[in-house]
Protein backbone atom coordinates (compact mmCIF):
# COMPACT_ATOMS: atom_id res chain seq x y z
CA UNK A 1 54.56 -135.48 -27.38
CA UNK A 2 52.48 -132.30 -27.71
CA UNK A 3 54.04 -128.83 -27.60
CA UNK A 4 52.32 -128.19 -24.29
CA UNK A 5 53.80 -131.30 -22.67
CA UNK A 6 57.25 -130.47 -24.01
CA UNK A 7 56.98 -126.90 -22.79
CA UNK A 8 55.85 -128.04 -19.31
CA UNK A 9 58.91 -130.26 -18.88
CA UNK A 10 61.27 -127.51 -20.04
CA UNK A 11 59.79 -124.70 -17.91
CA UNK A 12 59.69 -126.97 -14.83
CA UNK A 13 63.37 -127.81 -15.26
CA UNK A 14 64.41 -124.17 -15.65
CA UNK A 15 62.39 -123.05 -12.64
CA UNK A 16 63.70 -125.86 -10.44
CA UNK A 17 67.30 -124.97 -11.28
CA UNK A 18 66.93 -121.39 -10.00
CA UNK A 19 64.15 -121.29 -7.40
CA UNK A 20 65.07 -120.81 -3.74
CA UNK A 21 62.47 -121.11 -0.99
CA UNK A 22 60.63 -117.85 -0.37
CA UNK A 23 61.87 -116.18 -3.57
CA UNK A 24 59.61 -113.65 -5.31
CA UNK A 25 61.78 -113.43 -8.43
CA UNK A 26 63.45 -116.20 -10.42
CA UNK A 27 65.67 -115.16 -13.34
CA UNK A 28 66.64 -117.20 -16.39
CA UNK A 29 67.87 -116.68 -19.94
CA UNK A 30 66.68 -117.61 -23.41
CA UNK A 31 69.69 -119.89 -23.86
CA UNK A 32 68.52 -122.00 -20.93
CA UNK A 33 65.44 -123.03 -22.90
CA UNK A 34 67.70 -124.68 -25.47
CA UNK A 35 69.91 -126.27 -22.82
CA UNK A 36 66.94 -127.68 -20.92
CA UNK A 37 65.50 -129.11 -24.14
CA UNK A 38 68.83 -130.73 -24.97
CA UNK A 39 69.18 -132.20 -21.47
CA UNK A 40 65.67 -133.66 -21.74
CA UNK A 41 66.20 -134.84 -25.33
CA UNK A 42 63.24 -132.72 -26.46
CA UNK A 43 63.09 -131.23 -29.95
CA UNK A 44 62.11 -127.58 -29.88
CA UNK A 45 60.39 -125.51 -32.59
CA UNK A 46 62.55 -122.86 -34.25
CA UNK A 47 60.67 -120.08 -32.48
CA UNK A 48 61.84 -120.37 -28.87
CA UNK A 49 59.63 -117.44 -27.94
CA UNK A 50 56.57 -119.62 -28.42
CA UNK A 51 57.29 -121.32 -25.09
CA UNK A 52 57.21 -117.98 -23.26
CA UNK A 53 54.12 -116.88 -25.22
CA UNK A 54 52.29 -120.08 -24.34
CA UNK A 55 52.71 -119.64 -20.58
CA UNK A 56 51.87 -115.95 -20.72
CA UNK A 57 48.68 -116.08 -22.75
CA UNK A 58 47.46 -119.60 -23.54
CA UNK A 59 48.23 -122.02 -20.73
CA UNK A 60 48.70 -121.93 -16.98
CA UNK A 61 52.12 -122.65 -15.54
CA UNK A 62 52.37 -126.20 -14.18
CA UNK A 63 51.24 -126.83 -10.61
CA UNK A 64 54.80 -127.65 -9.56
CA UNK A 65 55.65 -123.98 -10.24
CA UNK A 66 52.37 -122.35 -9.17
CA UNK A 67 52.55 -124.04 -5.76
CA UNK A 68 55.79 -122.17 -5.03
CA UNK A 69 54.20 -118.72 -5.40
CA UNK A 70 53.64 -116.66 -2.22
CA UNK A 71 50.17 -117.06 -0.69
CA UNK A 72 47.51 -115.22 -2.70
CA UNK A 73 49.83 -114.56 -5.63
CA UNK A 74 50.73 -116.10 -9.00
CA UNK A 75 53.86 -116.22 -11.12
CA UNK A 76 54.13 -114.23 -14.32
CA UNK A 77 57.01 -114.32 -16.81
CA UNK A 78 58.34 -110.84 -17.50
CA UNK A 79 61.18 -109.65 -19.80
CA UNK A 80 64.34 -108.74 -17.89
CA UNK A 81 66.57 -107.50 -20.72
CA UNK A 82 67.74 -108.76 -24.09
CA UNK A 83 67.31 -112.54 -24.06
CA UNK A 84 66.52 -112.53 -20.34
CA UNK A 85 63.34 -113.42 -18.46
CA UNK A 86 62.07 -113.52 -14.90
CA UNK A 87 59.37 -115.37 -12.98
CA UNK A 88 57.81 -112.67 -10.80
CA UNK A 89 55.14 -113.01 -8.12
CA UNK A 90 52.08 -110.78 -8.53
CA UNK A 91 48.52 -110.52 -7.23
CA UNK A 92 47.08 -110.06 -10.77
CA UNK A 93 48.16 -112.14 -13.77
CA UNK A 94 45.34 -112.87 -16.24
CA UNK A 95 42.60 -110.31 -16.96
CA UNK A 96 39.13 -111.78 -17.51
CA UNK A 97 35.99 -109.71 -18.31
CA UNK A 98 33.22 -109.68 -15.69
CA UNK A 99 30.23 -111.55 -17.10
CA UNK A 100 27.66 -109.56 -15.12
CA UNK A 101 28.80 -106.07 -16.16
CA UNK A 102 26.19 -103.98 -17.98
CA UNK A 103 26.81 -103.42 -21.73
CA UNK A 104 26.37 -100.30 -23.84
CA UNK A 105 24.99 -100.42 -27.38
CA UNK A 106 26.94 -98.32 -29.87
CA UNK A 107 25.90 -97.71 -33.53
CA UNK A 108 28.32 -99.79 -35.61
CA UNK A 109 30.39 -97.55 -37.89
CA UNK A 110 32.74 -100.29 -39.14
CA UNK A 111 32.87 -100.11 -42.97
CA UNK A 112 31.38 -103.29 -44.40
CA UNK A 113 34.39 -103.97 -46.60
CA UNK A 114 36.70 -103.82 -43.55
CA UNK A 115 34.49 -106.21 -41.57
CA UNK A 116 34.41 -108.59 -44.55
CA UNK A 117 38.18 -108.84 -45.02
CA UNK A 118 39.56 -108.64 -41.46
CA UNK A 119 42.08 -111.49 -41.27
CA UNK A 120 42.08 -112.34 -37.57
CA UNK A 121 40.21 -111.72 -34.36
CA UNK A 122 42.90 -109.32 -33.20
CA UNK A 123 42.89 -107.36 -36.46
CA UNK A 124 39.10 -107.26 -36.51
CA UNK A 125 39.04 -106.00 -32.93
CA UNK A 126 41.58 -103.25 -33.62
CA UNK A 127 39.58 -102.15 -36.67
CA UNK A 128 36.35 -101.98 -34.68
CA UNK A 129 38.04 -99.93 -31.97
CA UNK A 130 39.38 -97.51 -34.57
CA UNK A 131 36.32 -97.02 -36.80
CA UNK A 132 33.90 -96.76 -33.89
CA UNK A 133 36.13 -94.45 -31.82
CA UNK A 134 35.71 -96.75 -28.84
CA UNK A 135 38.92 -95.55 -27.21
CA UNK A 136 37.53 -91.98 -27.28
CA UNK A 137 34.20 -93.15 -25.86
CA UNK A 138 35.81 -95.26 -23.15
CA UNK A 139 38.36 -92.69 -21.98
CA UNK A 140 36.44 -89.45 -22.61
CA UNK A 141 39.47 -88.10 -24.50
CA UNK A 142 39.72 -87.26 -28.23
CA UNK A 143 42.10 -89.91 -29.59
CA UNK A 144 44.04 -90.52 -32.80
CA UNK A 145 45.77 -93.72 -33.86
CA UNK A 146 49.51 -93.07 -34.02
CA UNK A 147 50.86 -96.49 -34.96
CA UNK A 148 49.81 -100.13 -35.13
CA UNK A 149 52.06 -102.95 -33.93
CA UNK A 150 54.73 -100.72 -32.46
CA UNK A 151 57.90 -102.71 -31.89
CA UNK A 152 60.62 -101.00 -29.93
CA UNK A 153 63.32 -101.64 -27.35
CA UNK A 154 62.83 -100.54 -23.77
CA UNK A 155 65.65 -100.18 -21.27
CA UNK A 156 65.89 -103.13 -18.85
CA UNK A 157 63.16 -105.04 -20.75
CA UNK A 158 64.44 -105.55 -24.27
CA UNK A 159 62.07 -105.67 -27.24
CA UNK A 160 58.38 -105.03 -26.58
CA UNK A 161 55.38 -104.88 -28.92
CA UNK A 162 52.19 -102.87 -28.49
CA UNK A 163 49.19 -103.67 -30.71
CA UNK A 164 48.29 -100.01 -31.25
CA UNK A 165 49.21 -96.64 -29.78
CA UNK A 166 46.72 -93.77 -29.62
CA UNK A 167 47.58 -90.16 -28.82
CA UNK A 168 44.86 -88.15 -27.07
CA UNK A 169 43.94 -84.55 -26.30
CA UNK A 170 41.50 -83.40 -23.62
CA UNK A 171 39.63 -80.11 -23.07
CA UNK A 172 42.45 -78.76 -20.90
CA UNK A 173 44.97 -79.28 -23.69
CA UNK A 174 46.71 -82.16 -21.87
CA UNK A 175 48.22 -84.87 -24.10
CA UNK A 176 47.85 -88.60 -23.48
CA UNK A 177 49.40 -91.84 -24.71
CA UNK A 178 47.05 -94.84 -24.82
CA UNK A 179 48.91 -98.10 -25.56
CA UNK A 180 46.31 -100.72 -26.52
CA UNK A 181 46.56 -104.50 -26.28
CA UNK A 182 43.88 -106.44 -28.18
CA UNK A 183 42.99 -110.09 -27.65
CA UNK A 184 40.54 -112.33 -29.44
CA UNK A 185 40.03 -116.07 -29.72
CA UNK A 186 41.69 -118.15 -27.02
CA UNK A 187 44.41 -115.67 -26.05
CA UNK A 188 44.02 -113.89 -22.71
CA UNK A 189 45.07 -110.43 -21.57
CA UNK A 190 48.16 -110.78 -19.41
CA UNK A 191 49.32 -108.15 -16.93
CA UNK A 192 52.86 -108.49 -18.35
CA UNK A 193 51.75 -106.64 -21.49
CA UNK A 194 50.34 -103.81 -19.41
CA UNK A 195 53.59 -103.51 -17.46
CA UNK A 196 55.55 -103.41 -20.72
CA UNK A 197 53.23 -100.80 -22.23
CA UNK A 198 53.61 -98.50 -19.25
CA UNK A 199 57.40 -98.84 -19.34
CA UNK A 200 57.37 -98.11 -23.09
CA UNK A 201 55.25 -94.97 -22.58
CA UNK A 202 57.47 -93.65 -19.83
CA UNK A 203 60.51 -94.00 -22.06
CA UNK A 204 59.12 -93.01 -25.47
CA UNK A 205 56.37 -90.53 -24.45
CA UNK A 206 57.78 -89.16 -21.21
CA UNK A 207 55.80 -85.89 -21.25
CA UNK A 208 52.44 -87.52 -21.96
CA UNK A 209 49.94 -88.97 -19.48
CA UNK A 210 50.07 -92.74 -20.01
CA UNK A 211 46.85 -94.72 -19.63
CA UNK A 212 47.26 -98.40 -20.64
CA UNK A 213 44.22 -99.99 -22.29
CA UNK A 214 43.31 -103.60 -23.10
CA UNK A 215 40.50 -104.89 -25.32
CA UNK A 216 38.98 -108.38 -25.41
CA UNK A 217 36.33 -109.97 -27.62
CA UNK A 218 33.67 -111.64 -25.46
CA UNK A 219 30.84 -113.94 -26.50
CA UNK A 220 28.46 -112.65 -29.19
CA UNK A 221 30.94 -110.01 -30.31
CA UNK A 222 30.74 -107.85 -27.18
CA UNK A 223 33.93 -105.82 -26.68
CA UNK A 224 35.35 -105.47 -23.17
CA UNK A 225 37.66 -102.51 -22.56
CA UNK A 226 39.90 -102.15 -19.51
CA UNK A 227 42.02 -99.32 -18.19
CA UNK A 228 44.86 -99.94 -15.73
CA UNK A 229 46.87 -97.96 -13.24
CA UNK A 230 49.88 -98.73 -11.12
CA UNK A 231 49.33 -98.84 -7.36
CA UNK A 232 51.75 -99.40 -4.46
CA UNK A 233 50.73 -103.08 -4.45
CA UNK A 234 50.98 -103.57 -8.23
CA UNK A 235 48.80 -103.04 -11.28
CA UNK A 236 45.02 -102.85 -10.93
CA UNK A 237 42.00 -102.34 -13.18
CA UNK A 238 40.75 -98.75 -12.80
CA UNK A 239 37.85 -99.06 -15.28
CA UNK A 240 36.01 -101.76 -17.26
CA UNK A 241 33.23 -101.22 -19.81
CA UNK A 242 31.45 -103.52 -22.26
CA UNK A 243 30.28 -102.34 -25.68
CA UNK A 244 28.05 -104.05 -28.24
CA UNK A 245 28.21 -102.69 -31.80
CA UNK A 246 24.76 -102.79 -33.42
CA UNK A 247 22.94 -101.33 -36.45
CA UNK A 248 21.84 -97.75 -35.59
CA UNK A 249 18.14 -98.69 -35.47
CA UNK A 250 18.86 -101.13 -32.62
CA UNK A 251 19.84 -98.30 -30.27
CA UNK A 252 16.36 -97.73 -28.85
CA UNK A 253 14.77 -94.80 -27.03
CA UNK A 254 14.76 -96.83 -23.83
CA UNK A 255 18.50 -97.46 -24.27
CA UNK A 256 19.14 -93.71 -24.55
CA UNK A 257 17.00 -92.99 -21.51
CA UNK A 258 18.91 -95.59 -19.48
CA UNK A 259 22.31 -94.26 -20.61
CA UNK A 260 21.29 -90.70 -19.66
CA UNK A 261 20.75 -91.87 -16.07
CA UNK A 262 24.15 -93.54 -15.71
CA UNK A 263 26.81 -91.78 -13.66
CA UNK A 264 29.58 -90.21 -15.71
């Protein structure tokens, strides 16, 4: 039996044990993953978190669960404390770049030796963001990388991890925190990460303006950047831009003329 099939059986059992008709939240604990596996006589991998990770970023929840979501909404799995999780209904779950969005060519400043030895899509993406100052370009704020792979504990959520945190300064002197989530390969951007990043910022950088960012490799190496904000109806994308890193000579005069005509 594949991991995916095992995980489907386990998550279906857990959901069925707690779901009540009309519910928008369904709580469960990490220990229940082990109990469900034992009841089903399924052998689990040592890393129980892989089941949660799979249904957040790599695979859709089974139809038996999705069909119970309120009309027009999907379930996401959010942290609810140490060793605790929750199915929560939301209007936005997975973030996918818009194929038809115009792209901007940026002279590639990534050092060749860094490009050569980047070990993964995620690491390569974070390096390209950093060396090409794409967070500065995207946000219009002067930014500095504070820490990569920040792991910390947030009240009511438990442990969270942010791929990189930038601190920014604008012309007024205002300070910003930009938590960045980077995804490459087959992993998708999940709104859960954005929710966690905002909660982390509010707790760890309470005096700063928090602007969550996500980055995704698209086809042909194009980089999609998203900014999010919280609205009364949930989280929404406030900005999306696509950047293509090219040798400097490939940024043409016509490109510059076109960019000069774009609205700010």
